């Protein structure tokens, strides 16, 4: 009897194997059912709950019945996100997004891009770092990733997977309301001095590679951040211009807005015609003169209007009230500009030196210093003209390839940075050097202090 039973099972096994297609190894799709869940709150509402609590980490009561929903916009499939999923409240035209910390690698296999998920908040915690709200688990006065064994108590998958429609946005429109949402930025490119680099494979890239992206219409910049653990870290940056789809996030310190992509296919820089600025390019002979041809440290400025007596022009292009203003700190006088709380959208202000004659000198170089604070984007540029009189728009201006300070997002910076030496040796006659600030109260509003304008050369 036992022998007959064994033969029976062998025959069944052979018949089963013969039915399997040996050339098809696709994993079977895991069947899920729609959870019996009623959503009764929103991402924005729980952010307000956190703010109302006044606590650094707020933990929802185990009896709290609040449930939110959202659509996944991040993916760790390429290794650029780690133990994190980011959701926004709608698949298109979202009004709020949030980060969820989970102790689960390869979470894209469960929480794939576009997947609708529900979060039960009872026992979960929420905090905010630099404007970035995140949900996690509260252990020993710290918000940590939800342990893998507990994820099923908080996060539930819907059967619904939606196409995520990115918000079309400009760099200067980045703000906290758009944080942790899926965005599209058009007419941009990597800055000219980033070309030839990898996403995050340079020797100096420790945890993340940060590459500067510049807008073609106004040269405002932002940062693309790529993990050194990503699968594409050694890929070269695309050299053209075009668009990018990314999650708008913040850097590790919460000091600036950055873009993070799920994979490099989301960058379409197929237009080979770049929009690089044409910088003044005077050949530097390496024999910089040491005599001072022009210097201004603003120490004689007791009030902003004193600039006019010194021959400077301080102008707001759109006839707004905000201009460069005299500021003193720790005994040092500098000129300051910021779009914050000005209600000016945009704010374009120019600070222009008196005329400086270069007919009786050679080997001239120009330097100045900047200090950035509450930095949410680089919006200060330097220019030179040999034909400026009164009207900025009538003069021909050439941009100078200078280094502008990058500062903290949520505080002031106490250190000035030098611009680097810019050769003016190919210019003659009267020149004016200008700093152009192009910001917005509702967008990028970085505060800058500028100081120590210096031109050195060799007098004849």
Protein backbone atom coordinates (compact mmCIF):
# COMPACT_ATOMS: atom_id res chain seq x y z
CA UNK A 1 0.00 0.00 0.00
CA UNK A 2 2.80 2.43 0.92
CA UNK A 3 4.56 1.72 -2.39
CA UNK A 4 1.40 2.55 -4.36
CA UNK A 5 1.02 5.87 -2.52
CA UNK A 6 4.62 6.86 -3.28
CA UNK A 7 4.14 6.06 -6.96
CA UNK A 8 0.98 8.18 -6.95
CA UNK A 9 2.81 11.23 -5.54
CA UNK A 10 5.66 10.80 -8.04
CA UNK A 11 3.18 10.83 -10.94
CA UNK A 12 1.48 13.97 -9.54
CA UNK A 13 4.86 15.69 -9.12
CA UNK A 14 5.90 14.86 -12.70
CA UNK A 15 2.61 16.20 -14.05
CA UNK A 16 3.07 19.43 -12.01
CA UNK A 17 6.62 20.00 -13.24
CA UNK A 18 5.59 19.39 -16.85
CA UNK A 19 3.09 22.25 -16.57
CA UNK A 20 5.74 24.79 -15.50
CA UNK A 21 7.18 27.02 -18.24
CA UNK A 22 10.92 26.75 -17.74
CA UNK A 23 11.65 29.93 -19.71
CA UNK A 24 9.48 32.19 -17.55
CA UNK A 25 10.99 33.13 -14.20
CA UNK A 26 8.81 36.18 -13.38
CA UNK A 27 7.93 36.39 -9.72
CA UNK A 28 4.18 35.92 -9.15
CA UNK A 29 2.43 39.15 -8.18
CA UNK A 30 1.48 39.14 -4.53
CA UNK A 31 -2.25 39.57 -4.26
CA UNK A 32 -3.39 42.22 -1.79
CA UNK A 33 -6.83 43.34 -0.77
CA UNK A 34 -7.92 46.90 -0.14
CA UNK A 35 -7.66 47.52 3.63
CA UNK A 36 -10.87 48.28 5.46
CA UNK A 37 -9.64 51.69 6.57
CA UNK A 38 -11.37 55.05 6.89
CA UNK A 39 -9.11 58.05 6.46
CA UNK A 40 -9.98 60.82 8.91
CA UNK A 41 -6.99 63.17 8.83
CA UNK A 42 -4.43 64.66 6.45
CA UNK A 43 -0.68 65.17 6.26
CA UNK A 44 -1.16 68.89 6.77
CA UNK A 45 -3.41 68.33 9.80
CA UNK A 46 -0.87 66.19 11.64
CA UNK A 47 1.81 68.82 10.97
CA UNK A 48 -0.44 71.32 12.72
CA UNK A 49 -0.94 68.86 15.58
CA UNK A 50 2.81 68.69 15.98
CA UNK A 51 3.18 72.48 16.00
CA UNK A 52 0.36 72.82 18.52
CA UNK A 53 2.05 70.34 20.87
CA UNK A 54 5.15 72.49 21.33
CA UNK A 55 7.21 69.33 21.75
CA UNK A 56 10.39 68.50 19.85
CA UNK A 57 9.06 64.97 19.27
CA UNK A 58 5.32 64.42 19.52
CA UNK A 59 3.98 60.89 20.04
CA UNK A 60 0.40 60.08 19.13
CA UNK A 61 -1.51 58.32 21.90
CA UNK A 62 -2.07 54.58 21.49
CA UNK A 63 -5.79 55.46 21.62
CA UNK A 64 -5.52 58.04 18.85
CA UNK A 65 -7.56 56.95 15.84
CA UNK A 66 -6.03 59.37 13.32
CA UNK A 67 -5.35 57.84 9.90
CA UNK A 68 -3.79 59.62 6.93
CA UNK A 69 -3.16 58.57 3.35
CA UNK A 70 -0.59 59.47 0.73
CA UNK A 71 1.10 58.43 -2.48
CA UNK A 72 4.69 57.18 -2.52
CA UNK A 73 7.02 59.46 -4.54
CA UNK A 74 10.40 58.03 -3.53
CA UNK A 75 12.06 54.76 -4.48
CA UNK A 76 15.12 53.03 -3.03
CA UNK A 77 15.44 50.69 -6.02
CA UNK A 78 18.58 52.50 -7.23
CA UNK A 79 19.92 53.07 -3.71
CA UNK A 80 19.43 56.83 -3.63
CA UNK A 81 16.97 56.71 -0.73
CA UNK A 82 17.74 54.70 2.39
CA UNK A 83 15.20 53.33 4.87
CA UNK A 84 12.86 56.17 3.96
CA UNK A 85 9.68 56.58 2.01
CA UNK A 86 8.29 59.97 1.07
CA UNK A 87 4.60 60.48 0.43
CA UNK A 88 2.47 63.38 -0.76
CA UNK A 89 -1.25 63.81 -0.16
CA UNK A 90 -2.38 63.69 -3.80
CA UNK A 91 -1.08 62.07 -6.96
CA UNK A 92 -1.30 65.44 -8.72
CA UNK A 93 -1.34 69.02 -7.44
CA UNK A 94 -0.33 67.96 -3.90
CA UNK A 95 -0.61 70.39 -1.02
CA UNK A 96 1.65 68.62 1.47
CA UNK A 97 4.25 65.89 1.76
CA UNK A 98 6.06 64.09 4.56
CA UNK A 99 8.92 61.67 5.16
CA UNK A 100 8.43 58.31 6.88
CA UNK A 101 11.39 56.53 8.44
CA UNK A 102 11.19 52.73 8.24
CA UNK A 103 13.84 50.13 9.08
CA UNK A 104 13.37 48.25 5.82
CA UNK A 105 15.75 47.98 2.88
CA UNK A 106 14.44 47.47 -0.67
CA UNK A 107 11.15 48.94 0.50
CA UNK A 108 10.26 49.70 -3.13
CA UNK A 109 9.11 46.08 -3.43
CA UNK A 110 6.23 46.87 -1.06
CA UNK A 111 5.85 50.62 -1.26
CA UNK A 112 6.48 51.26 -4.92
CA UNK A 113 6.36 54.61 -6.70
CA UNK A 114 2.75 55.81 -7.02
CA UNK A 115 1.41 53.33 -4.46
CA UNK A 116 -1.27 54.70 -2.18
CA UNK A 117 -0.65 53.87 1.46
CA UNK A 118 -2.42 54.48 4.77
CA UNK A 119 -0.68 55.36 8.03
CA UNK A 120 -2.26 54.66 11.39
CA UNK A 121 -0.70 57.17 13.76
CA UNK A 122 -1.52 55.57 17.14
CA UNK A 123 1.85 55.06 18.86
CA UNK A 124 3.83 56.70 16.04
CA UNK A 125 5.79 59.93 16.50
CA UNK A 126 6.48 63.04 14.45
CA UNK A 127 9.22 65.66 14.53
CA UNK A 128 10.55 68.49 12.38
CA UNK A 129 14.11 69.30 11.42
CA UNK A 130 14.70 72.52 9.52
CA UNK A 131 11.15 72.57 8.19
CA UNK A 132 11.27 68.89 7.21
CA UNK A 133 8.52 66.89 8.95
CA UNK A 134 9.09 63.18 9.46
CA UNK A 135 7.20 60.28 11.03
CA UNK A 136 9.01 57.54 12.92
CA UNK A 137 9.29 55.73 16.23
CA UNK A 138 10.22 57.42 19.52
CA UNK A 139 12.99 55.67 21.46
CA UNK A 140 15.10 57.32 24.20
CA UNK A 141 14.36 60.92 23.23
CA UNK A 142 15.14 60.23 19.59
CA UNK A 143 13.02 59.69 16.51
CA UNK A 144 14.22 56.53 14.78
CA UNK A 145 13.03 54.42 11.87
CA UNK A 146 9.96 52.29 12.60
CA UNK A 147 11.32 48.79 13.40
CA UNK A 148 10.68 46.26 10.64
CA UNK A 149 8.60 44.06 12.97
CA UNK A 150 6.26 47.00 13.69
CA UNK A 151 5.86 48.45 10.20
CA UNK A 152 2.70 46.41 9.65
CA UNK A 153 1.11 48.07 12.69
CA UNK A 154 1.42 51.52 11.12
CA UNK A 155 1.57 51.28 7.32
CA UNK A 156 -1.03 49.62 5.10
CA UNK A 157 -0.89 49.25 1.34
CA UNK A 158 -3.77 50.14 -0.90
CA UNK A 159 -4.42 48.29 -4.13
CA UNK A 160 -4.36 51.68 -5.82
CA UNK A 161 -1.27 52.75 -7.80
CA UNK A 162 -1.52 56.17 -9.45
CA UNK A 163 0.53 58.04 -12.01
CA UNK A 164 2.36 60.78 -10.13
CA UNK A 165 2.09 64.11 -11.97
CA UNK A 166 4.99 66.36 -10.92
CA UNK A 167 4.46 69.98 -9.95
CA UNK A 168 5.98 72.26 -12.57
CA UNK A 169 8.06 74.71 -10.58
CA UNK A 170 10.92 77.19 -10.83
CA UNK A 171 13.97 77.03 -8.60
CA UNK A 172 13.13 80.40 -7.06
CA UNK A 173 9.70 79.04 -6.08
CA UNK A 174 11.11 76.39 -3.73
CA UNK A 175 9.55 76.77 -0.28
CA UNK A 176 8.52 74.70 2.73
CA UNK A 177 5.04 74.05 1.31
CA UNK A 178 6.61 72.15 -1.61
CA UNK A 179 9.01 70.17 0.58
CA UNK A 180 8.69 66.38 0.12
CA UNK A 181 6.66 66.68 -3.06
CA UNK A 182 7.42 65.49 -6.59
CA UNK A 183 8.48 68.35 -8.83
CA UNK A 184 9.57 69.05 -12.40
CA UNK A 185 12.01 71.84 -13.25
CA UNK A 186 12.49 72.85 -16.88
CA UNK A 187 15.13 74.79 -18.79
CA UNK A 188 17.99 73.90 -16.48
CA UNK A 189 21.45 72.36 -16.73
CA UNK A 190 24.41 71.42 -14.58
CA UNK A 191 26.70 74.37 -13.97
CA UNK A 192 29.56 74.54 -16.46
CA UNK A 193 32.23 73.65 -13.87
CA UNK A 194 30.35 70.45 -12.91
CA UNK A 195 30.66 68.96 -16.40
CA UNK A 196 32.94 65.92 -16.47
CA UNK A 197 32.08 64.94 -12.90
CA UNK A 198 30.15 61.89 -11.77
CA UNK A 199 26.92 62.01 -9.77
CA UNK A 200 28.67 61.02 -6.54
CA UNK A 201 31.86 59.18 -7.42
CA UNK A 202 34.50 61.87 -6.89
CA UNK A 203 37.21 61.29 -4.27
CA UNK A 204 35.83 64.11 -2.11
CA UNK A 205 32.24 62.74 -2.05
CA UNK A 206 31.94 61.28 1.43
CA UNK A 207 28.26 60.44 1.90
CA UNK A 208 26.54 62.40 -0.84
CA UNK A 209 27.62 64.05 -4.05
CA UNK A 210 26.25 67.58 -4.43
CA UNK A 211 26.16 69.01 -7.95
CA UNK A 212 25.01 72.52 -8.82
CA UNK A 213 22.10 72.95 -11.23
CA UNK A 214 21.48 76.36 -12.80
CA UNK A 215 18.33 77.84 -14.31
CA UNK A 216 18.81 79.15 -17.84
CA UNK A 217 16.33 82.02 -17.50
CA UNK A 218 17.86 83.75 -14.47
CA UNK A 219 20.97 81.73 -13.44
CA UNK A 220 19.54 80.91 -10.02
CA UNK A 221 21.00 77.67 -8.70
CA UNK A 222 19.99 74.65 -6.68
CA UNK A 223 21.66 71.36 -5.73
CA UNK A 224 21.18 67.79 -6.92
CA UNK A 225 22.19 65.41 -4.14
CA UNK A 226 23.10 61.78 -4.86
CA UNK A 227 24.04 59.12 -2.32
CA UNK A 228 27.49 57.55 -2.63
CA UNK A 229 25.66 54.23 -2.14
CA UNK A 230 23.48 54.71 -5.22
CA UNK A 231 23.81 52.37 -8.19
CA UNK A 232 24.53 55.29 -10.51
CA UNK A 233 27.06 57.22 -8.43
CA UNK A 234 29.81 56.64 -11.03
CA UNK A 235 27.68 57.77 -13.98
CA UNK A 236 28.85 60.99 -15.62
CA UNK A 237 26.55 63.98 -15.37
CA UNK A 238 24.62 64.74 -18.57
CA UNK A 239 26.14 67.68 -20.44
CA UNK A 240 23.10 69.26 -22.11
CA UNK A 241 20.10 71.11 -20.77
CA UNK A 242 16.45 70.22 -20.27
CA UNK A 243 14.27 69.07 -17.39
CA UNK A 244 14.42 66.97 -14.25
CA UNK A 245 11.77 65.13 -12.21
CA UNK A 246 12.80 64.81 -8.57
CA UNK A 247 11.70 64.90 -4.95
CA UNK A 248 12.22 68.31 -3.36
CA UNK A 249 13.98 67.55 -0.08
CA UNK A 250 16.52 69.11 2.28
CA UNK A 251 20.17 68.38 2.91
CA UNK A 252 21.27 66.36 5.96
CA UNK A 253 21.61 69.49 8.11
CA UNK A 254 18.29 70.97 7.03
CA UNK A 255 20.07 74.08 5.77
CA UNK A 256 19.08 74.15 2.10
CA UNK A 257 16.64 72.74 -0.41
CA UNK A 258 17.99 69.97 -2.62
CA UNK A 259 16.69 67.72 -5.37
CA UNK A 260 16.89 63.93 -5.05
CA UNK A 261 16.12 61.63 -7.97
CA UNK A 262 14.88 58.06 -7.88
CA UNK A 263 17.08 57.16 -10.86
CA UNK A 264 19.04 59.02 -13.58
CA UNK A 265 16.41 58.38 -16.28
CA UNK A 266 14.42 61.17 -14.65
CA UNK A 267 16.93 63.70 -15.98
CA UNK A 268 16.28 64.65 -19.60
CA UNK A 269 19.11 66.96 -20.66
CA UNK A 270 18.95 65.93 -24.30
CA UNK A 271 19.16 69.50 -25.66
CA UNK A 272 22.85 69.86 -26.48
CA UNK A 273 22.64 73.66 -26.79
CA UNK A 274 23.63 74.84 -23.33
CA UNK A 275 22.91 78.24 -21.81
CA UNK A 276 26.25 78.96 -20.11
CA UNK A 277 26.86 82.62 -19.26
CA UNK A 278 29.57 84.37 -21.23
CA UNK A 279 32.03 85.40 -18.52
CA UNK A 280 34.59 88.12 -18.93
CA UNK A 281 37.76 86.27 -19.87
CA UNK A 282 40.88 88.40 -19.48
CA UNK A 283 44.04 86.36 -19.69
CA UNK A 284 45.83 86.46 -16.38
CA UNK A 285 49.56 87.01 -16.96
CA UNK A 286 50.32 85.83 -13.45
CA UNK A 287 51.95 89.21 -12.70
CA UNK A 288 49.22 90.74 -10.57
CA UNK A 289 50.07 94.25 -9.46
CA UNK A 290 50.20 95.02 -5.76
CA UNK A 291 49.16 98.67 -5.84
CA UNK A 292 45.63 99.51 -4.73
CA UNK A 293 43.59 101.10 -7.53
CA UNK A 294 40.24 100.98 -5.74
CA UNK A 295 39.16 99.90 -2.26
CA UNK A 296 35.92 100.19 -0.32
CA UNK A 297 35.22 98.61 3.07
CA UNK A 298 32.22 100.89 3.85
CA UNK A 299 33.69 102.00 7.18
CA UNK A 300 32.92 105.62 6.29
CA UNK A 301 29.27 104.80 5.69
CA UNK A 302 27.23 105.83 8.71
CA UNK A 303 23.89 105.46 6.94
CA UNK A 304 22.91 103.87 3.64
CA UNK A 305 22.46 107.19 1.83
CA UNK A 306 26.16 107.94 2.36
CA UNK A 307 26.85 105.54 -0.53
CA UNK A 308 25.67 108.19 -2.99
CA UNK A 309 28.27 110.66 -1.68
CA UNK A 310 30.93 108.06 -2.35
CA UNK A 311 29.75 107.66 -5.95
CA UNK A 312 27.95 104.31 -5.56
CA UNK A 313 24.61 103.47 -7.17
CA UNK A 314 22.11 101.48 -5.08
CA UNK A 315 19.09 100.67 -7.22
CA UNK A 316 15.92 98.58 -7.17
CA UNK A 317 15.04 97.76 -10.78
CA UNK A 318 11.32 97.27 -10.10
CA UNK A 319 11.05 100.50 -8.08
CA UNK A 320 10.51 98.60 -4.85
CA UNK A 321 11.71 99.77 -1.46
CA UNK A 322 14.31 97.11 -0.75
CA UNK A 323 17.94 97.90 -1.63
CA UNK A 324 21.36 97.14 -0.21
CA UNK A 325 21.54 98.54 3.33
CA UNK A 326 24.36 99.42 5.69
CA UNK A 327 24.77 96.95 8.54
CA UNK A 328 27.27 96.78 11.40
CA UNK A 329 28.27 93.61 13.20
CA UNK A 330 31.09 93.12 15.69
CA UNK A 331 32.62 96.44 14.68
CA UNK A 332 32.56 95.69 10.95
CA UNK A 333 30.46 97.61 8.42
CA UNK A 334 29.09 95.84 5.34
CA UNK A 335 26.21 96.19 2.90
CA UNK A 336 23.30 93.76 3.28
CA UNK A 337 20.49 92.62 1.00
CA UNK A 338 17.63 90.16 1.51
CA UNK A 339 14.23 89.51 -0.04
CA UNK A 340 12.86 88.02 3.18
CA UNK A 341 9.68 89.69 4.43
CA UNK A 342 9.84 92.38 1.72
CA UNK A 343 6.68 91.34 -0.17
CA UNK A 344 8.68 91.95 -3.36
CA UNK A 345 8.28 89.23 -6.00
CA UNK A 346 10.74 89.50 -7.63
CA UNK A 347 13.30 91.67 -5.89
CA UNK A 348 16.06 92.80 -8.24
CA UNK A 349 18.60 95.14 -6.67
CA UNK A 350 21.96 96.37 -8.00
CA UNK A 351 24.92 97.77 -6.07
CA UNK A 352 27.29 99.53 -8.48
CA UNK A 353 30.74 100.96 -7.77
CA UNK A 354 31.83 104.46 -8.74
CA UNK A 355 33.67 104.66 -12.06
CA UNK A 356 37.18 103.24 -11.89
CA UNK A 357 39.68 104.25 -14.54
CA UNK A 358 42.04 101.55 -15.81
CA UNK A 359 43.93 103.62 -18.43
CA UNK A 360 47.00 104.15 -16.27
CA UNK A 361 47.48 100.62 -14.94
CA UNK A 362 47.89 97.01 -15.97
CA UNK A 363 47.62 93.50 -14.49
CA UNK A 364 44.47 94.47 -12.60
CA UNK A 365 42.54 91.95 -10.51
CA UNK A 366 39.26 92.39 -8.64
CA UNK A 367 38.17 90.72 -5.39
CA UNK A 368 35.38 91.19 -2.88
CA UNK A 369 33.86 89.27 0.03
CA UNK A 370 30.43 87.81 0.68
CA UNK A 371 28.68 86.20 3.62
CA UNK A 372 25.43 84.24 3.11
CA UNK A 373 22.84 83.66 5.82
CA UNK A 374 19.42 81.97 5.84
CA UNK A 375 20.55 80.52 2.53
CA UNK A 376 17.94 78.85 0.33
CA UNK A 377 19.68 79.37 -3.01
CA UNK A 378 22.48 81.37 -4.65
CA UNK A 379 20.99 84.54 -6.16
CA UNK A 380 23.90 87.00 -6.16
CA UNK A 381 26.03 87.59 -9.26
CA UNK A 382 28.82 90.03 -10.24
CA UNK A 383 29.08 92.08 -13.44
CA UNK A 384 31.30 94.67 -15.10
CA UNK A 385 30.53 97.37 -17.68
CA UNK A 386 32.60 99.90 -19.62
CA UNK A 387 29.49 101.77 -20.76
CA UNK A 388 27.35 102.40 -17.67
CA UNK A 389 26.09 105.90 -16.94
CA UNK A 390 22.67 105.98 -15.26
CA UNK A 391 20.44 103.31 -16.79
CA UNK A 392 21.34 99.71 -15.93
CA UNK A 393 19.40 98.24 -18.83
CA UNK A 394 21.09 100.48 -21.41
CA UNK A 395 24.60 99.41 -20.42
CA UNK A 396 26.35 96.32 -21.78
CA UNK A 397 27.28 94.10 -18.84
CA UNK A 398 29.63 91.12 -18.76
CA UNK A 399 29.32 88.59 -15.99
CA UNK A 400 32.29 87.83 -13.73
CA UNK A 401 33.10 84.27 -12.74
CA UNK A 402 33.15 84.79 -8.99
CA UNK A 403 32.65 82.57 -5.97
CA UNK A 404 29.63 83.51 -3.85
CA UNK A 405 29.34 82.39 -0.23
CA UNK A 406 27.00 79.49 0.59
CA UNK A 407 25.68 79.73 4.13
CA UNK A 408 23.35 77.94 6.56
CA UNK A 409 19.63 77.82 5.84
CA UNK A 410 18.28 78.59 9.29
CA UNK A 411 20.91 80.87 10.83
CA UNK A 412 23.45 83.57 10.09
CA UNK A 413 27.03 82.93 9.01
CA UNK A 414 29.85 84.75 10.77
CA UNK A 415 32.52 84.12 8.16
CA UNK A 416 33.13 86.08 4.96
CA UNK A 417 34.38 84.26 1.86
CA UNK A 418 36.50 85.78 -0.87
CA UNK A 419 35.31 85.84 -4.47
CA UNK A 420 38.62 84.71 -5.90
CA UNK A 421 40.78 86.95 -8.07
CA UNK A 422 39.14 88.08 -11.31
CA UNK A 423 41.45 89.53 -13.96
CA UNK A 424 40.40 92.89 -15.47
CA UNK A 425 43.60 93.26 -17.48
CA UNK A 426 41.82 93.36 -20.85
CA UNK A 427 39.64 96.34 -19.91
CA UNK A 428 40.49 99.99 -20.43
CA UNK A 429 38.84 103.32 -19.70
CA UNK A 430 36.21 103.76 -17.03
CA UNK A 431 34.62 100.62 -15.63
CA UNK A 432 31.82 99.97 -13.15
CA UNK A 433 31.51 96.74 -11.20
CA UNK A 434 28.08 95.68 -9.96
CA UNK A 435 26.51 93.09 -7.72
CA UNK A 436 23.07 91.94 -8.85
CA UNK A 437 20.63 90.40 -6.37
CA UNK A 438 17.63 88.59 -7.85
CA UNK A 439 15.39 87.07 -5.21
CA UNK A 440 11.80 86.84 -4.06
CA UNK A 441 9.98 87.05 -0.74
CA UNK A 442 7.85 84.05 -1.73
CA UNK A 443 10.81 82.10 -3.16
CA UNK A 444 14.57 82.30 -2.68
CA UNK A 445 15.37 85.07 -0.21
CA UNK A 446 18.98 84.44 0.89
CA UNK A 447 20.57 87.22 2.95
CA UNK A 448 23.98 88.49 1.80
CA UNK A 449 26.52 90.78 3.40
CA UNK A 450 29.09 92.17 0.94
CA UNK A 451 32.33 93.90 1.82
CA UNK A 452 35.93 94.79 0.89
CA UNK A 453 35.72 95.65 -2.82
CA UNK A 454 39.34 95.74 -3.98
CA UNK A 455 41.11 96.28 -7.30
CA UNK A 456 44.87 95.86 -7.36
CA UNK A 457 47.18 96.49 -10.30
CA UNK A 458 50.41 97.96 -11.51
CA UNK A 459 50.34 101.71 -11.99
CA UNK A 460 52.21 103.25 -14.94
